[in-house]
Amino acid sequence: MAARLAAAATGTDTGGSIRQPAALCGITGIKPTYGRVSRYGMIAFASSLDQAGPHDAHAEDAALLLSAMSGFDPLDSTSIERDSEDYSTCLQDSLEGLTLGLPKEFFGTGLHPDVAAAIEAAATELEKLGARLKEIVAAELQPRPYPPTTSSHLPRHPPTWRALTAYAMATAATTRKTCWTCTAARAPKASAARSSAAS
């Protein structure tokens, strides 16, 4: 899309696989609300996080593609029973009255100066368009006694579920999910039961 070699493309996003490449290439990438786009046929990495969405060079084209992709699918048990919408109708809406939170934890040690400058430029442009910017504290990034986990189709492999749980913790703030199914937490018991049965 960035090189204008394709008109549009779809992708899947667990912890940023649509949004991050789009940001790095200067195009539009959207991870839709969970259940808005059918996941039927996708090979899930983490079912409670995976979503399908569009990549496109322009927001208008991405909105049109998302409109075509969204809607209820009886073959997907997580699909929302809601009709498709025309997402292009709100692209020209004013940003007056919109408040955007900037998590202060994202602007500490390790943030590259070029990235900080790009974010600041975008924030300034949003302010010019009428949005209000506010520094916030992201609760998901505060230390917790128990880490969040994510549902997985990979409970048979203990090293995999450990890595998956760590990955979910690392991407929790990006995905903004606060409710996970603890399939991974049950994996060791299931694995031990299979080992006993095999012996």
N, C-alpha and C. Protein backbone atom coordinates (compact mmCIF):
# COMPACT_ATOMS: atom_id res chain seq x y z
N MET A 1 0.82 -1.21 0.00
CA MET A 1 0.00 0.00 0.00
C MET A 1 0.85 1.26 0.00
N ALA A 2 1.91 1.26 0.80
CA ALA A 2 2.76 2.44 0.87
C ALA A 2 3.42 2.72 -0.48
N ALA A 3 3.75 1.67 -1.22
CA ALA A 3 4.38 1.83 -2.54
C ALA A 3 3.35 1.93 -3.66
N ARG A 4 2.06 1.89 -3.29
CA ARG A 4 0.95 1.96 -4.25
C ARG A 4 0.96 0.78 -5.22
N LEU A 5 1.42 -0.38 -4.74
CA LEU A 5 1.42 -1.57 -5.58
C LEU A 5 0.14 -2.37 -5.43
N ALA A 6 -0.65 -2.04 -4.43
CA ALA A 6 -1.94 -2.70 -4.21
C ALA A 6 -2.93 -1.67 -3.72
N ALA A 7 -4.20 -1.89 -4.05
CA ALA A 7 -5.23 -0.93 -3.65
C ALA A 7 -5.60 -1.07 -2.19
N ALA A 8 -5.57 -2.29 -1.68
CA ALA A 8 -5.96 -2.54 -0.29
C ALA A 8 -5.50 -3.93 0.11
N ALA A 9 -5.48 -4.18 1.41
CA ALA A 9 -5.13 -5.51 1.90
C ALA A 9 -5.78 -5.71 3.26
N THR A 10 -5.96 -6.97 3.62
CA THR A 10 -6.46 -7.30 4.95
C THR A 10 -5.34 -7.94 5.76
N GLY A 11 -5.49 -7.90 7.06
CA GLY A 11 -4.49 -8.51 7.94
C GLY A 11 -5.15 -8.95 9.23
N THR A 12 -4.37 -9.59 10.09
CA THR A 12 -4.87 -9.97 11.41
C THR A 12 -3.97 -9.34 12.47
N ASP A 13 -4.58 -9.02 13.60
CA ASP A 13 -3.88 -8.28 14.65
C ASP A 13 -4.15 -8.94 16.00
N THR A 14 -3.08 -9.42 16.65
CA THR A 14 -3.19 -9.95 18.01
C THR A 14 -2.68 -8.90 18.99
N GLY A 15 -1.43 -8.48 18.79
CA GLY A 15 -0.85 -7.47 19.66
C GLY A 15 -0.29 -6.29 18.91
N GLY A 16 -0.71 -6.11 17.65
CA GLY A 16 -0.24 -4.96 16.89
C GLY A 16 0.13 -5.25 15.45
N SER A 17 -0.20 -6.43 14.93
CA SER A 17 0.27 -6.83 13.60
C SER A 17 -0.41 -6.13 12.44
N ILE A 18 -1.46 -5.38 12.71
CA ILE A 18 -2.02 -4.47 11.70
C ILE A 18 -1.53 -3.05 11.98
N ARG A 19 -1.65 -2.63 13.22
CA ARG A 19 -1.39 -1.23 13.58
C ARG A 19 0.07 -0.83 13.48
N GLN A 20 0.97 -1.70 13.94
CA GLN A 20 2.39 -1.34 13.93
C GLN A 20 2.97 -1.24 12.52
N PRO A 21 2.75 -2.22 11.63
CA PRO A 21 3.26 -2.05 10.26
C PRO A 21 2.66 -0.83 9.57
N ALA A 22 1.38 -0.56 9.83
CA ALA A 22 0.75 0.61 9.23
C ALA A 22 1.44 1.89 9.70
N ALA A 23 1.71 1.97 10.99
CA ALA A 23 2.38 3.15 11.53
C ALA A 23 3.78 3.31 10.95
N LEU A 24 4.51 2.20 10.82
CA LEU A 24 5.87 2.26 10.32
C LEU A 24 5.93 2.59 8.83
N CYS A 25 4.86 2.27 8.09
CA CYS A 25 4.86 2.51 6.64
C CYS A 25 4.08 3.75 6.25
N GLY A 26 3.47 4.43 7.22
CA GLY A 26 2.75 5.65 6.92
C GLY A 26 1.42 5.43 6.22
N ILE A 27 0.75 4.32 6.52
CA ILE A 27 -0.56 4.05 5.93
C ILE A 27 -1.59 3.90 7.06
N THR A 28 -2.82 3.60 6.71
CA THR A 28 -3.88 3.42 7.70
C THR A 28 -4.09 1.93 7.95
N GLY A 29 -4.08 1.55 9.22
CA GLY A 29 -4.37 0.17 9.62
C GLY A 29 -5.34 0.19 10.78
N ILE A 30 -6.36 -0.65 10.75
CA ILE A 30 -7.39 -0.64 11.78
C ILE A 30 -7.55 -2.03 12.38
N LYS A 31 -7.46 -2.10 13.72
CA LYS A 31 -7.87 -3.30 14.44
C LYS A 31 -9.27 -3.04 14.95
N PRO A 32 -10.30 -3.69 14.37
CA PRO A 32 -11.68 -3.39 14.76
C PRO A 32 -12.02 -3.86 16.17
N THR A 33 -13.14 -3.37 16.68
CA THR A 33 -13.67 -3.84 17.95
C THR A 33 -13.90 -5.34 17.86
N TYR A 34 -13.61 -6.04 18.95
CA TYR A 34 -13.75 -7.50 18.98
C TYR A 34 -15.16 -7.92 18.58
N GLY A 35 -15.26 -8.83 17.62
CA GLY A 35 -16.55 -9.34 17.18
C GLY A 35 -17.17 -8.57 16.04
N ARG A 36 -16.58 -7.43 15.66
CA ARG A 36 -17.15 -6.61 14.59
C ARG A 36 -16.91 -7.22 13.22
N VAL A 37 -15.76 -7.86 13.05
CA VAL A 37 -15.39 -8.52 11.80
C VAL A 37 -15.24 -10.01 12.07
N SER A 38 -15.77 -10.83 11.19
CA SER A 38 -15.71 -12.28 11.39
C SER A 38 -14.27 -12.78 11.46
N ARG A 39 -14.05 -13.73 12.38
CA ARG A 39 -12.74 -14.38 12.48
C ARG A 39 -12.79 -15.78 11.89
N TYR A 40 -13.89 -16.11 11.25
CA TYR A 40 -14.06 -17.45 10.68
C TYR A 40 -12.97 -17.73 9.65
N GLY A 41 -12.28 -18.85 9.82
CA GLY A 41 -11.20 -19.22 8.91
C GLY A 41 -9.83 -18.79 9.35
N MET A 42 -9.75 -17.89 10.32
CA MET A 42 -8.45 -17.45 10.83
C MET A 42 -7.84 -18.53 11.71
N ILE A 43 -6.54 -18.68 11.66
CA ILE A 43 -5.83 -19.54 12.60
C ILE A 43 -5.39 -18.65 13.76
N ALA A 44 -6.07 -18.83 14.89
CA ALA A 44 -5.87 -17.90 16.00
C ALA A 44 -4.56 -18.14 16.72
N PHE A 45 -3.91 -17.04 17.08
CA PHE A 45 -2.74 -17.11 17.96
C PHE A 45 -3.20 -16.96 19.40
N ALA A 46 -4.15 -16.08 19.63
CA ALA A 46 -4.76 -15.89 20.95
C ALA A 46 -6.18 -15.43 20.71
N SER A 47 -7.14 -16.32 20.92
CA SER A 47 -8.52 -16.06 20.49
C SER A 47 -9.13 -14.81 21.09
N SER A 48 -8.76 -14.47 22.32
CA SER A 48 -9.38 -13.30 22.95
C SER A 48 -8.75 -11.99 22.48
N LEU A 49 -7.75 -12.05 21.63
CA LEU A 49 -7.09 -10.84 21.13
C LEU A 49 -7.17 -10.70 19.61
N ASP A 50 -7.23 -11.81 18.88
CA ASP A 50 -7.14 -11.76 17.42
C ASP A 50 -8.33 -11.06 16.77
N GLN A 51 -8.03 -10.22 15.79
CA GLN A 51 -9.05 -9.58 14.97
C GLN A 51 -8.52 -9.39 13.57
N ALA A 52 -9.43 -9.35 12.60
CA ALA A 52 -9.07 -9.08 11.21
C ALA A 52 -9.45 -7.64 10.89
N GLY A 53 -8.62 -6.99 10.07
CA GLY A 53 -8.91 -5.60 9.73
C GLY A 53 -8.22 -5.18 8.46
N PRO A 54 -8.47 -3.95 8.02
CA PRO A 54 -7.92 -3.47 6.75
C PRO A 54 -6.61 -2.70 6.87
N HIS A 55 -5.84 -2.74 5.78
CA HIS A 55 -4.68 -1.86 5.56
C HIS A 55 -4.99 -1.05 4.31
N ASP A 56 -4.71 0.23 4.33
CA ASP A 56 -4.91 1.01 3.12
C ASP A 56 -4.08 2.28 3.18
N ALA A 57 -3.86 2.87 2.01
CA ALA A 57 -3.04 4.07 1.95
C ALA A 57 -3.77 5.28 2.53
N HIS A 58 -5.10 5.27 2.49
CA HIS A 58 -5.88 6.41 2.95
C HIS A 58 -6.97 5.96 3.91
N ALA A 59 -7.32 6.83 4.85
CA ALA A 59 -8.37 6.52 5.81
C ALA A 59 -9.70 6.26 5.12
N GLU A 60 -10.00 7.01 4.06
CA GLU A 60 -11.26 6.82 3.34
C GLU A 60 -11.38 5.41 2.79
N ASP A 61 -10.30 4.93 2.17
CA ASP A 61 -10.33 3.58 1.58
C ASP A 61 -10.40 2.51 2.67
N ALA A 62 -9.70 2.73 3.78
CA ALA A 62 -9.75 1.78 4.89
C ALA A 62 -11.16 1.71 5.47
N ALA A 63 -11.83 2.85 5.55
CA ALA A 63 -13.21 2.88 6.06
C ALA A 63 -14.13 2.09 5.14
N LEU A 64 -13.97 2.24 3.84
CA LEU A 64 -14.81 1.50 2.89
C LEU A 64 -14.57 0.00 3.00
N LEU A 65 -13.30 -0.40 3.13
CA LEU A 65 -12.99 -1.81 3.26
C LEU A 65 -13.52 -2.38 4.57
N LEU A 66 -13.40 -1.62 5.66
CA LEU A 66 -13.92 -2.08 6.94
C LEU A 66 -15.44 -2.24 6.88
N SER A 67 -16.11 -1.34 6.19
CA SER A 67 -17.56 -1.45 6.03
C SER A 67 -17.94 -2.75 5.32
N ALA A 68 -17.14 -3.12 4.32
CA ALA A 68 -17.41 -4.36 3.58
C ALA A 68 -17.10 -5.60 4.41
N MET A 69 -16.10 -5.51 5.28
CA MET A 69 -15.67 -6.66 6.08
C MET A 69 -16.57 -6.91 7.29
N SER A 70 -17.16 -5.86 7.85
CA SER A 70 -17.86 -5.98 9.12
C SER A 70 -19.29 -6.50 8.93
N GLY A 71 -19.88 -6.94 10.03
CA GLY A 71 -21.24 -7.47 10.00
C GLY A 71 -21.30 -8.83 10.66
N PHE A 72 -22.50 -9.27 10.97
CA PHE A 72 -22.70 -10.54 11.68
C PHE A 72 -22.37 -11.73 10.79
N ASP A 73 -21.67 -12.71 11.37
CA ASP A 73 -21.34 -13.96 10.67
C ASP A 73 -21.77 -15.12 11.55
N PRO A 74 -22.80 -15.88 11.16
CA PRO A 74 -23.27 -17.01 11.98
C PRO A 74 -22.23 -18.12 12.14
N LEU A 75 -21.19 -18.11 11.32
CA LEU A 75 -20.15 -19.14 11.41
C LEU A 75 -19.08 -18.79 12.45
N ASP A 76 -19.14 -17.58 13.00
CA ASP A 76 -18.18 -17.14 14.01
C ASP A 76 -18.93 -16.94 15.32
N SER A 77 -18.62 -17.75 16.32
CA SER A 77 -19.34 -17.69 17.60
C SER A 77 -19.07 -16.41 18.38
N THR A 78 -18.03 -15.67 18.00
CA THR A 78 -17.73 -14.41 18.69
C THR A 78 -18.23 -13.19 17.92
N SER A 79 -18.93 -13.42 16.80
CA SER A 79 -19.40 -12.32 15.97
C SER A 79 -20.57 -11.59 16.64
N ILE A 80 -20.55 -10.27 16.58
CA ILE A 80 -21.62 -9.45 17.17
C ILE A 80 -22.80 -9.39 16.21
N GLU A 81 -23.99 -9.60 16.74
CA GLU A 81 -25.20 -9.54 15.92
C GLU A 81 -25.59 -8.08 15.69
N ARG A 82 -24.93 -7.50 14.74
CA ARG A 82 -25.12 -6.09 14.42
C ARG A 82 -24.84 -5.88 12.95
N ASP A 83 -25.69 -5.09 12.29
CA ASP A 83 -25.53 -4.86 10.86
C ASP A 83 -24.26 -4.07 10.57
N SER A 84 -23.78 -4.20 9.35
CA SER A 84 -22.61 -3.45 8.92
C SER A 84 -22.94 -1.96 8.87
N GLU A 85 -21.91 -1.13 8.98
CA GLU A 85 -22.09 0.32 8.96
C GLU A 85 -21.21 0.93 7.87
N ASP A 86 -21.55 2.14 7.47
CA ASP A 86 -20.72 2.89 6.53
C ASP A 86 -19.79 3.78 7.35
N TYR A 87 -18.56 3.33 7.54
CA TYR A 87 -17.63 4.05 8.40
C TYR A 87 -17.06 5.31 7.75
N SER A 88 -17.31 5.47 6.46
CA SER A 88 -16.77 6.66 5.79
C SER A 88 -17.60 7.90 6.08
N THR A 89 -18.81 7.74 6.63
CA THR A 89 -19.70 8.89 6.84
C THR A 89 -19.21 9.82 7.95
N CYS A 90 -18.37 9.31 8.86
CA CYS A 90 -17.94 10.15 9.99
C CYS A 90 -16.52 10.68 9.85
N LEU A 91 -15.90 10.47 8.70
CA LEU A 91 -14.50 10.88 8.55
C LEU A 91 -14.31 12.39 8.58
N GLN A 92 -15.33 13.14 8.22
CA GLN A 92 -15.22 14.60 8.21
C GLN A 92 -15.79 15.24 9.46
N ASP A 93 -16.16 14.43 10.45
CA ASP A 93 -16.72 14.97 11.70
C ASP A 93 -15.67 15.81 12.43
N SER A 94 -16.14 16.83 13.13
CA SER A 94 -15.25 17.69 13.90
C SER A 94 -14.70 16.93 15.11
N LEU A 95 -13.49 17.29 15.52
CA LEU A 95 -12.89 16.71 16.71
C LEU A 95 -13.16 17.56 17.95
N GLU A 96 -13.94 18.61 17.81
CA GLU A 96 -14.29 19.47 18.94
C GLU A 96 -14.97 18.64 20.02
N GLY A 97 -14.48 18.79 21.26
CA GLY A 97 -15.07 18.05 22.37
C GLY A 97 -14.47 16.68 22.60
N LEU A 98 -13.61 16.22 21.70
CA LEU A 98 -12.97 14.91 21.85
C LEU A 98 -11.72 15.04 22.72
N THR A 99 -11.62 14.20 23.73
CA THR A 99 -10.43 14.19 24.60
C THR A 99 -9.61 12.95 24.31
N LEU A 100 -8.33 13.14 24.07
CA LEU A 100 -7.41 12.04 23.77
C LEU A 100 -6.41 11.89 24.91
N GLY A 101 -6.31 10.68 25.47
CA GLY A 101 -5.38 10.43 26.56
C GLY A 101 -4.03 9.97 26.06
N LEU A 102 -2.98 10.55 26.59
CA LEU A 102 -1.61 10.16 26.26
C LEU A 102 -1.00 9.52 27.51
N PRO A 103 -0.87 8.18 27.55
CA PRO A 103 -0.33 7.52 28.75
C PRO A 103 1.11 7.96 29.01
N LYS A 104 1.36 8.51 30.17
CA LYS A 104 2.70 9.04 30.45
C LYS A 104 3.74 7.94 30.47
N GLU A 105 3.32 6.68 30.73
CA GLU A 105 4.27 5.56 30.76
C GLU A 105 4.89 5.31 29.39
N PHE A 106 4.23 5.77 28.33
CA PHE A 106 4.75 5.55 26.98
C PHE A 106 5.83 6.56 26.58
N PHE A 107 6.07 7.57 27.42
CA PHE A 107 6.97 8.65 27.03
C PHE A 107 8.19 8.73 27.93
N GLY A 108 8.59 7.60 28.48
CA GLY A 108 9.73 7.58 29.38
C GLY A 108 11.00 7.11 28.69
N THR A 109 11.87 6.50 29.48
CA THR A 109 13.15 6.01 28.99
C THR A 109 12.94 4.98 27.88
N GLY A 110 13.71 5.11 26.82
CA GLY A 110 13.62 4.15 25.73
C GLY A 110 12.87 4.65 24.52
N LEU A 111 12.13 5.75 24.66
CA LEU A 111 11.42 6.30 23.51
C LEU A 111 12.40 7.06 22.62
N HIS A 112 12.50 6.64 21.37
CA HIS A 112 13.44 7.27 20.44
C HIS A 112 13.00 8.71 20.15
N PRO A 113 13.96 9.64 20.10
CA PRO A 113 13.61 11.05 19.85
C PRO A 113 12.79 11.27 18.59
N ASP A 114 13.09 10.50 17.53
CA ASP A 114 12.34 10.66 16.28
C ASP A 114 10.88 10.25 16.46
N VAL A 115 10.67 9.17 17.24
CA VAL A 115 9.30 8.71 17.51
C VAL A 115 8.56 9.75 18.35
N ALA A 116 9.24 10.27 19.37
CA ALA A 116 8.64 11.30 20.22
C ALA A 116 8.24 12.52 19.39
N ALA A 117 9.11 12.91 18.46
CA ALA A 117 8.83 14.07 17.61
C ALA A 117 7.62 13.82 16.71
N ALA A 118 7.52 12.60 16.18
CA ALA A 118 6.39 12.26 15.31
C ALA A 118 5.08 12.27 16.09
N ILE A 119 5.12 11.75 17.33
CA ILE A 119 3.91 11.76 18.17
C ILE A 119 3.52 13.18 18.51
N GLU A 120 4.51 14.01 18.85
CA GLU A 120 4.24 15.40 19.20
C GLU A 120 3.64 16.16 18.02
N ALA A 121 4.14 15.89 16.82
CA ALA A 121 3.60 16.55 15.63
C ALA A 121 2.15 16.13 15.39
N ALA A 122 1.87 14.83 15.56
CA ALA A 122 0.50 14.35 15.39
C ALA A 122 -0.42 14.95 16.44
N ALA A 123 0.05 15.01 17.68
CA ALA A 123 -0.75 15.57 18.77
C ALA A 123 -1.06 17.04 18.51
N THR A 124 -0.07 17.77 18.01
CA THR A 124 -0.27 19.20 17.71
C THR A 124 -1.33 19.37 16.62
N GLU A 125 -1.27 18.51 15.60
CA GLU A 125 -2.25 18.57 14.51
C GLU A 125 -3.66 18.25 15.02
N LEU A 126 -3.77 17.27 15.91
CA LEU A 126 -5.07 16.92 16.48
C LEU A 126 -5.64 18.07 17.31
N GLU A 127 -4.76 18.76 18.03
CA GLU A 127 -5.19 19.94 18.79
C GLU A 127 -5.71 21.03 17.86
N LYS A 128 -5.03 21.25 16.74
CA LYS A 128 -5.48 22.25 15.78
C LYS A 128 -6.87 21.92 15.23
N LEU A 129 -7.17 20.61 15.17
CA LEU A 129 -8.46 20.17 14.64
C LEU A 129 -9.55 20.18 15.72
N GLY A 130 -9.19 20.56 16.94
CA GLY A 130 -10.20 20.71 17.98
C GLY A 130 -10.15 19.72 19.12
N ALA A 131 -9.28 18.73 19.06
CA ALA A 131 -9.21 17.73 20.13
C ALA A 131 -8.49 18.30 21.34
N ARG A 132 -8.81 17.76 22.50
CA ARG A 132 -8.15 18.14 23.75
C ARG A 132 -7.25 16.99 24.17
N LEU A 133 -5.98 17.29 24.48
CA LEU A 133 -5.02 16.28 24.88
C LEU A 133 -4.87 16.28 26.39
N LYS A 134 -4.78 15.09 26.95
CA LYS A 134 -4.67 14.97 28.40
C LYS A 134 -3.70 13.85 28.76
N GLU A 135 -2.76 14.14 29.65
CA GLU A 135 -1.85 13.09 30.12
C GLU A 135 -2.61 12.19 31.10
N ILE A 136 -2.49 10.88 30.90
CA ILE A 136 -3.18 9.94 31.76
C ILE A 136 -2.20 8.90 32.29
N VAL A 137 -2.62 8.18 33.32
CA VAL A 137 -1.86 7.06 33.86
C VAL A 137 -2.58 5.79 33.43
N ALA A 138 -1.88 4.92 32.73
CA ALA A 138 -2.48 3.68 32.24
C ALA A 138 -2.47 2.63 33.34
N ALA A 139 -3.65 2.29 33.85
CA ALA A 139 -3.75 1.33 34.96
C ALA A 139 -3.15 -0.02 34.58
N GLU A 140 -3.25 -0.39 33.29
CA GLU A 140 -2.74 -1.69 32.86
C GLU A 140 -1.22 -1.79 33.00
N LEU A 141 -0.54 -0.65 33.08
CA LEU A 141 0.91 -0.67 33.15
C LEU A 141 1.45 -0.63 34.58
N GLN A 142 0.54 -0.54 35.56
CA GLN A 142 0.96 -0.52 36.94
C GLN A 142 1.24 -1.94 37.43
N PRO A 143 2.19 -2.13 38.35
CA PRO A 143 2.50 -3.47 38.86
C PRO A 143 1.27 -4.13 39.47
N ARG A 144 1.09 -5.44 39.18
CA ARG A 144 -0.04 -6.18 39.72
C ARG A 144 0.45 -7.46 40.38
N PRO A 145 -0.28 -7.95 41.39
CA PRO A 145 0.15 -9.20 42.04
C PRO A 145 -0.03 -10.41 41.13
N TYR A 146 -1.01 -10.36 40.23
CA TYR A 146 -1.26 -11.49 39.33
C TYR A 146 -1.27 -11.00 37.90
N PRO A 147 -0.50 -11.63 37.02
CA PRO A 147 -0.45 -11.17 35.63
C PRO A 147 -1.69 -11.62 34.86
N PRO A 148 -2.10 -10.83 33.83
CA PRO A 148 -3.20 -11.27 32.98
C PRO A 148 -2.74 -12.38 32.06
N THR A 149 -3.67 -13.21 31.64
CA THR A 149 -3.35 -14.24 30.66
C THR A 149 -4.31 -14.09 29.50
N THR A 150 -4.11 -14.88 28.49
CA THR A 150 -4.96 -14.81 27.31
C THR A 150 -5.36 -16.20 26.88
N SER A 151 -6.53 -16.31 26.25
CA SER A 151 -6.95 -17.63 25.80
C SER A 151 -6.09 -18.06 24.62
N SER A 152 -5.88 -19.36 24.49
CA SER A 152 -4.96 -19.86 23.48
C SER A 152 -5.40 -21.21 22.98
N HIS A 153 -5.08 -21.49 21.72
CA HIS A 153 -5.32 -22.81 21.16
C HIS A 153 -4.06 -23.66 21.28
N LEU A 154 -3.10 -23.21 22.08
CA LEU A 154 -1.82 -23.90 22.17
C LEU A 154 -1.52 -24.41 23.59
N PRO A 155 -2.54 -24.95 24.31
CA PRO A 155 -2.29 -25.34 25.70
C PRO A 155 -1.48 -26.61 25.86
N ARG A 156 -1.23 -27.33 24.78
CA ARG A 156 -0.53 -28.61 24.88
C ARG A 156 0.99 -28.44 24.98
N HIS A 157 1.46 -27.24 24.80
CA HIS A 157 2.90 -27.02 24.76
C HIS A 157 3.29 -26.03 25.85
N PRO A 158 3.74 -26.51 27.02
CA PRO A 158 4.08 -25.61 28.13
C PRO A 158 4.98 -24.45 27.77
N PRO A 159 6.08 -24.63 26.97
CA PRO A 159 6.91 -23.47 26.64
C PRO A 159 6.12 -22.43 25.86
N THR A 160 5.18 -22.91 25.02
CA THR A 160 4.38 -21.99 24.22
C THR A 160 3.44 -21.18 25.08
N TRP A 161 2.75 -21.84 26.02
CA TRP A 161 1.81 -21.06 26.83
C TRP A 161 2.53 -20.08 27.75
N ARG A 162 3.77 -20.43 28.18
CA ARG A 162 4.52 -19.47 28.99
C ARG A 162 4.87 -18.23 28.17
N ALA A 163 5.33 -18.47 26.94
CA ALA A 163 5.67 -17.35 26.07
C ALA A 163 4.43 -16.53 25.73
N LEU A 164 3.31 -17.23 25.52
CA LEU A 164 2.06 -16.55 25.18
C LEU A 164 1.59 -15.66 26.31
N THR A 165 1.69 -16.16 27.54
CA THR A 165 1.29 -15.37 28.69
C THR A 165 2.17 -14.13 28.82
N ALA A 166 3.48 -14.29 28.63
CA ALA A 166 4.39 -13.15 28.70
C ALA A 166 4.07 -12.14 27.60
N TYR A 167 3.74 -12.65 26.41
CA TYR A 167 3.40 -11.78 25.29
C TYR A 167 2.13 -10.98 25.60
N ALA A 168 1.14 -11.66 26.20
CA ALA A 168 -0.11 -10.98 26.54
C ALA A 168 0.14 -9.86 27.54
N MET A 169 1.02 -10.14 28.51
CA MET A 169 1.34 -9.11 29.51
C MET A 169 2.01 -7.91 28.85
N ALA A 170 2.92 -8.20 27.92
CA ALA A 170 3.68 -7.12 27.29
C ALA A 170 2.82 -6.26 26.39
N THR A 171 1.74 -6.84 25.82
CA THR A 171 0.91 -6.09 24.87
C THR A 171 -0.42 -5.67 25.45
N ALA A 172 -0.63 -5.87 26.74
CA ALA A 172 -1.94 -5.56 27.34
C ALA A 172 -2.32 -4.11 27.14
N ALA A 173 -1.36 -3.20 27.31
CA ALA A 173 -1.69 -1.78 27.19
C ALA A 173 -2.04 -1.40 25.76
N THR A 174 -1.36 -2.05 24.80
CA THR A 174 -1.61 -1.73 23.40
C THR A 174 -2.98 -2.22 22.96
N THR A 175 -3.34 -3.44 23.37
CA THR A 175 -4.60 -4.03 22.93
C THR A 175 -5.78 -3.51 23.72
N ARG A 176 -5.52 -2.95 24.92
CA ARG A 176 -6.55 -2.37 25.76
C ARG A 176 -7.57 -3.39 26.20
N LYS A 177 -7.22 -4.67 26.21
CA LYS A 177 -8.14 -5.69 26.70
C LYS A 177 -7.97 -5.82 28.21
N THR A 178 -9.08 -5.98 28.93
CA THR A 178 -9.00 -6.12 30.38
C THR A 178 -9.63 -7.41 30.85
N CYS A 179 -10.14 -8.22 29.95
CA CYS A 179 -10.80 -9.46 30.35
C CYS A 179 -10.29 -10.60 29.48
N TRP A 180 -9.58 -11.51 30.09
CA TRP A 180 -9.02 -12.63 29.35
C TRP A 180 -9.53 -13.95 29.91
N THR A 181 -9.58 -14.97 29.06
CA THR A 181 -9.91 -16.31 29.50
C THR A 181 -8.62 -17.01 29.88
N CYS A 182 -8.62 -17.64 31.05
CA CYS A 182 -7.36 -18.18 31.58
C CYS A 182 -7.09 -19.60 31.11
N THR A 183 -7.19 -19.82 29.80
CA THR A 183 -6.89 -21.14 29.26
C THR A 183 -5.44 -21.52 29.53
N ALA A 184 -4.54 -20.55 29.36
CA ALA A 184 -3.11 -20.83 29.54
C ALA A 184 -2.80 -21.29 30.95
N ALA A 185 -3.52 -20.77 31.94
CA ALA A 185 -3.26 -21.13 33.33
C ALA A 185 -3.59 -22.59 33.61
N ARG A 186 -4.46 -23.17 32.77
CA ARG A 186 -4.83 -24.57 32.97
C ARG A 186 -3.91 -25.52 32.21
N ALA A 187 -3.05 -24.96 31.36
CA ALA A 187 -2.22 -25.78 30.48
C ALA A 187 -1.32 -26.77 31.22
N PRO A 188 -0.63 -26.38 32.32
CA PRO A 188 0.27 -27.33 32.98
C PRO A 188 -0.45 -28.57 33.48
N LYS A 189 -1.65 -28.38 34.05
CA LYS A 189 -2.40 -29.52 34.56
C LYS A 189 -2.81 -30.45 33.44
N ALA A 190 -3.26 -29.85 32.33
CA ALA A 190 -3.67 -30.66 31.19
C ALA A 190 -2.49 -31.43 30.62
N SER A 191 -1.33 -30.76 30.55
CA SER A 191 -0.14 -31.40 30.03
C SER A 191 0.31 -32.54 30.95
N ALA A 192 0.24 -32.33 32.27
CA ALA A 192 0.64 -33.36 33.23
C ALA A 192 -0.31 -34.55 33.14
N ALA A 193 -1.59 -34.28 32.94
CA ALA A 193 -2.57 -35.36 32.83
C ALA A 193 -2.30 -36.21 31.61
N ARG A 194 -1.94 -35.56 30.50
CA ARG A 194 -1.64 -36.32 29.28
C ARG A 194 -0.37 -37.16 29.46
N SER A 195 0.61 -36.58 30.16
CA SER A 195 1.86 -37.32 30.37
C SER A 195 1.61 -38.56 31.22
N SER A 196 0.75 -38.43 32.25
CA SER A 196 0.44 -39.57 33.11
C SER A 196 -0.30 -40.64 32.33
N ALA A 197 -1.25 -40.20 31.48
CA ALA A 197 -2.03 -41.15 30.68
C ALA A 197 -1.11 -41.89 29.70
N ALA A 198 -0.14 -41.19 29.14
CA ALA A 198 0.74 -41.80 28.15
C ALA A 198 1.66 -42.85 28.80
N SER A 199 2.05 -42.61 30.05
CA SER A 199 2.95 -43.55 30.71
C SER A 199 2.16 -44.68 31.35
